């Protein structure tokens, strides 16, 4: 999904899941997003709400696709990933924050 579609979903209450590593997260992330690194997602999947639309984001779009697939295989139905990741998000002018 495009960053503009992802931003619209976020504004409508979708749950944004960032699957990057903590050091990447601290540099830059989407306000209100939740960090669960991709390698931890299978063990922490219970932290992802089943009653909301899920938007998965990473740096450029590759890890978010893998995260989306993990969630879909676990029975989540409303899951999408952001094409271009946080790089495209920032370049499109959407808000970001830094720090833990």
Protein backbone atom coordinates (compact mmCIF):
# COMPACT_ATOMS: atom_id res chain seq x y z
CA UNK A 1 0.00 0.00 0.00
CA UNK A 2 1.18 3.53 -0.66
CA UNK A 3 2.32 5.82 2.13
CA UNK A 4 -0.67 8.09 1.51
CA UNK A 5 -3.06 5.15 1.95
CA UNK A 6 -1.15 4.06 5.07
CA UNK A 7 -1.28 7.56 6.54
CA UNK A 8 -5.02 7.69 5.92
CA UNK A 9 -5.53 4.33 7.64
CA UNK A 10 -3.39 5.45 10.59
CA UNK A 11 -5.49 8.60 10.90
CA UNK A 12 -8.60 6.40 10.92
CA UNK A 13 -7.28 4.35 13.84
CA UNK A 14 -5.26 1.57 12.23
CA UNK A 15 -2.51 0.04 14.40
CA UNK A 16 0.94 0.79 12.96
CA UNK A 17 3.49 -1.97 13.53
CA UNK A 18 7.17 -1.15 12.92
CA UNK A 19 9.25 -4.30 12.39
CA UNK A 20 12.70 -2.68 12.28
CA UNK A 21 15.43 -2.95 14.90
CA UNK A 22 15.46 -0.69 18.00
CA UNK A 23 18.39 1.39 16.77
CA UNK A 24 16.52 2.14 13.52
CA UNK A 25 13.38 2.96 15.51
CA UNK A 26 15.28 5.41 17.74
CA UNK A 27 16.51 7.30 14.67
CA UNK A 28 13.06 7.77 13.17
CA UNK A 29 9.56 6.29 13.41
CA UNK A 30 5.89 6.99 12.78
CA UNK A 31 4.20 8.72 15.73
CA UNK A 32 2.02 6.26 17.61
CA UNK A 33 3.58 3.18 15.99
CA UNK A 34 4.53 0.10 18.01
CA UNK A 35 7.95 -1.52 17.65
CA UNK A 36 8.16 -5.31 17.42
CA UNK A 37 11.30 -6.30 15.50
CA UNK A 38 10.59 -8.81 12.73
CA UNK A 39 12.71 -11.53 14.36
CA UNK A 40 10.60 -11.20 17.54
CA UNK A 41 7.19 -11.01 15.87
CA UNK A 42 6.34 -14.75 15.97
CA UNK A 43 6.96 -14.85 19.74
CA UNK A 44 5.22 -11.52 20.41
CA UNK A 45 2.27 -11.88 18.05
CA UNK A 46 -0.19 -11.75 20.97
CA UNK A 47 0.77 -8.07 21.39
CA UNK A 48 -0.80 -7.27 18.00
CA UNK A 49 -4.52 -6.46 18.30
CA UNK A 50 -6.90 -8.62 16.29
CA UNK A 51 -9.70 -6.04 16.32
CA UNK A 52 -7.91 -3.32 14.33
CA UNK A 53 -6.54 -2.89 10.86
CA UNK A 54 -2.77 -3.42 10.96
CA UNK A 55 -0.31 -1.38 8.89
CA UNK A 56 3.19 -2.89 8.92
CA UNK A 57 6.16 -0.62 8.16
CA UNK A 58 9.94 -1.05 7.98
CA UNK A 59 12.80 0.88 6.38
CA UNK A 60 12.07 0.29 2.70
CA UNK A 61 9.24 -2.23 2.45
CA UNK A 62 10.90 -5.67 2.46
CA UNK A 63 10.66 -6.60 6.15
CA UNK A 64 7.14 -5.19 6.37
CA UNK A 65 6.01 -7.65 3.68
CA UNK A 66 7.46 -10.52 5.74
CA UNK A 67 5.76 -9.15 8.86
CA UNK A 68 2.46 -8.87 7.01
CA UNK A 69 2.78 -12.49 5.88
CA UNK A 70 3.50 -13.69 9.45
CA UNK A 71 0.34 -11.96 10.65
CA UNK A 72 -1.78 -13.27 7.79
CA UNK A 73 -0.58 -16.82 8.45
CA UNK A 74 -1.49 -16.34 12.13
CA UNK A 75 -5.09 -15.55 11.19
CA UNK A 76 -5.04 -11.75 11.05
CA UNK A 77 -7.30 -10.59 8.25
CA UNK A 78 -6.82 -6.83 7.92
CA UNK A 79 -3.07 -6.48 7.43
CA UNK A 80 -1.12 -4.50 4.88
CA UNK A 81 2.45 -3.34 4.42
CA UNK A 82 3.75 0.08 3.39
CA UNK A 83 5.51 0.28 0.03
CA UNK A 84 8.77 2.16 0.42
CA UNK A 85 8.66 2.00 4.23
CA UNK A 86 9.67 4.82 6.55
CA UNK A 87 11.90 6.26 3.82
CA UNK A 88 8.93 6.87 1.54
CA UNK A 89 6.84 8.01 4.53
CA UNK A 90 9.39 10.69 5.46
CA UNK A 91 10.00 11.71 1.84
CA UNK A 92 6.25 12.23 1.38
CA UNK A 93 6.28 14.66 4.30
CA UNK A 94 4.31 12.61 6.82
CA UNK A 95 5.20 13.14 10.49
CA UNK A 96 8.03 11.25 12.15
CA UNK A 97 9.59 11.29 15.59
CA UNK A 98 12.96 10.15 16.92
CA UNK A 99 14.04 8.64 20.20
CA UNK A 100 12.83 5.64 22.19
